[in-house]
Amino acid sequence: MEIPVYLFTGFLEAGKTKFITETLHDPNFNDGKRPYLLICCEEGEEEYDPDVLPSNVKMSTFDEEQMLTPDRIAAMQKRAGAEIIVIEYNGMWSLDSIYNALPENFKVFQEILIADANTILNYNANMRQLVVDKLSSAEMVVFNRYSDKVDKLALHKLVRGVSRRANICYEDLQGEIAFDDIEDPLPYDLSAPEVVIKDEDFAIFYRDMSEEPEKYFGKTIAFKGIVALDKALPSGQFAIGRHIMTCCEADIAYRGVVAKGMGKLKLATRDWVTVKGTLAEEYSKLYRARGPVLTVKEIAKAEKPEQEVATFY
C-alpha cells in the first residue's frame, strides 16, 4: 500500500505549526475519515495542542536527526494506522535525511517550504546552504507574515535563484494569500534561430534545460564549456558543460550534456571549447537512459571565461 507524504519544511518560528494546523482542518485536505499521522521534527514557540487537532490525526515526534530511519517511521505509521503522513521538518536538518529515511512505499506527494517573509533573507545570508537545501525540491514556497514593507522582488529572486518550477505565494497578516505574478523571462531568446547562451547565463540555461528539456529539443544552441571525456561514450562523443555553484564552494559540481561530433579537433578533458549544435533526446550510455544529446555543427577551442564557475547570480 502506497502511503502519501506531505512534507512541510522551514526554519524555526516560520509559522509552520499554524499553517499545518490550518491545513489539517481544511476539508479539502482532511476529509475527517481517513487516519492521519503528524510527525513533528521541531519544537518551536507554538506547539500543537492535541485537543485542537482533528480527531483523526495522531502525532509522533523525532528529536534528533540521526533517529530518522525507515524502520522507526514505518513503526510510527503502523501504530497510528495512518493512511496519510504529514511531516513538519526541522529546517536545520538536511532534506536527504528524511528522504533517505522514508520507507519504500512512502511517496512524497507535495513538499512545501514555509518561510517568514521578514526573516528568510537573513537566514539566506547566514545559512545559505540550508536555505538552498529547502528550496531545491520545494513545489511551493509560502512567504507568510508578508506586508508592503517586505521586498517582494528580493523574495522572488531568492526562489528563482534556485528553482524555476516552484510556485510562490505570499500570505499577509490577515491570512489573505496572493500568488506571485512577477514575470521571470529567460536571459536568452528560445525562439531565435540560434539560441546563444552567454557565459554568465550557463547555470540558468542548464537548470531550465534539465527541468523542461522538451523546450530545447530541435533547437540550435551555442555556448562555451569544458570538455570531459568518458570511456563509457563511443568514439567521437564527449560531455560538455561547466562547473556550477548553487550555494557555496562545497556545492560546486560539473554539469553538462553529451555531445557528438568533434570535427577535426583532438580534444582532451578540461579543454575549453565553443560549440554550436542541435539538441535532441537520445539514449546515451553516460546517462544510462534517454537524455539531451547535442549534435555538434561547429566546434572550436576557446579561452576560459573570466568567471570559470557558473552561478545563478
Foldseek 3Di string as FASTA:
>chain_A
DAAEEEEEEEEAPLCPVVVVQVQQVDCVRHVLPFAEEEEEEDDHPDDDDPVSGRPRYHYDYDPDLVVQAQVVVVVSCVVSVGRYYYYYHHLVDAPCSNVRRHPPSYDHPFYEYRGALVCVVVCCVVPVVSLLRNLQPHQEYEHEQDDPVGDVVVVVCSNVQRDPRHWYWYAHPVRDIDTDDDDDDQPWDLVDQETEAEPQRQVVVQRVCVVPVVSQAFHKYKYKFWWAADPQFDPQKTWTFAFEDSGDPVRTDTDTAMEGHPDPDDDDGGFMKMWIFGWHWDDGSVVNGTDIYGYTDDMDTDDQDPDRYHGSD
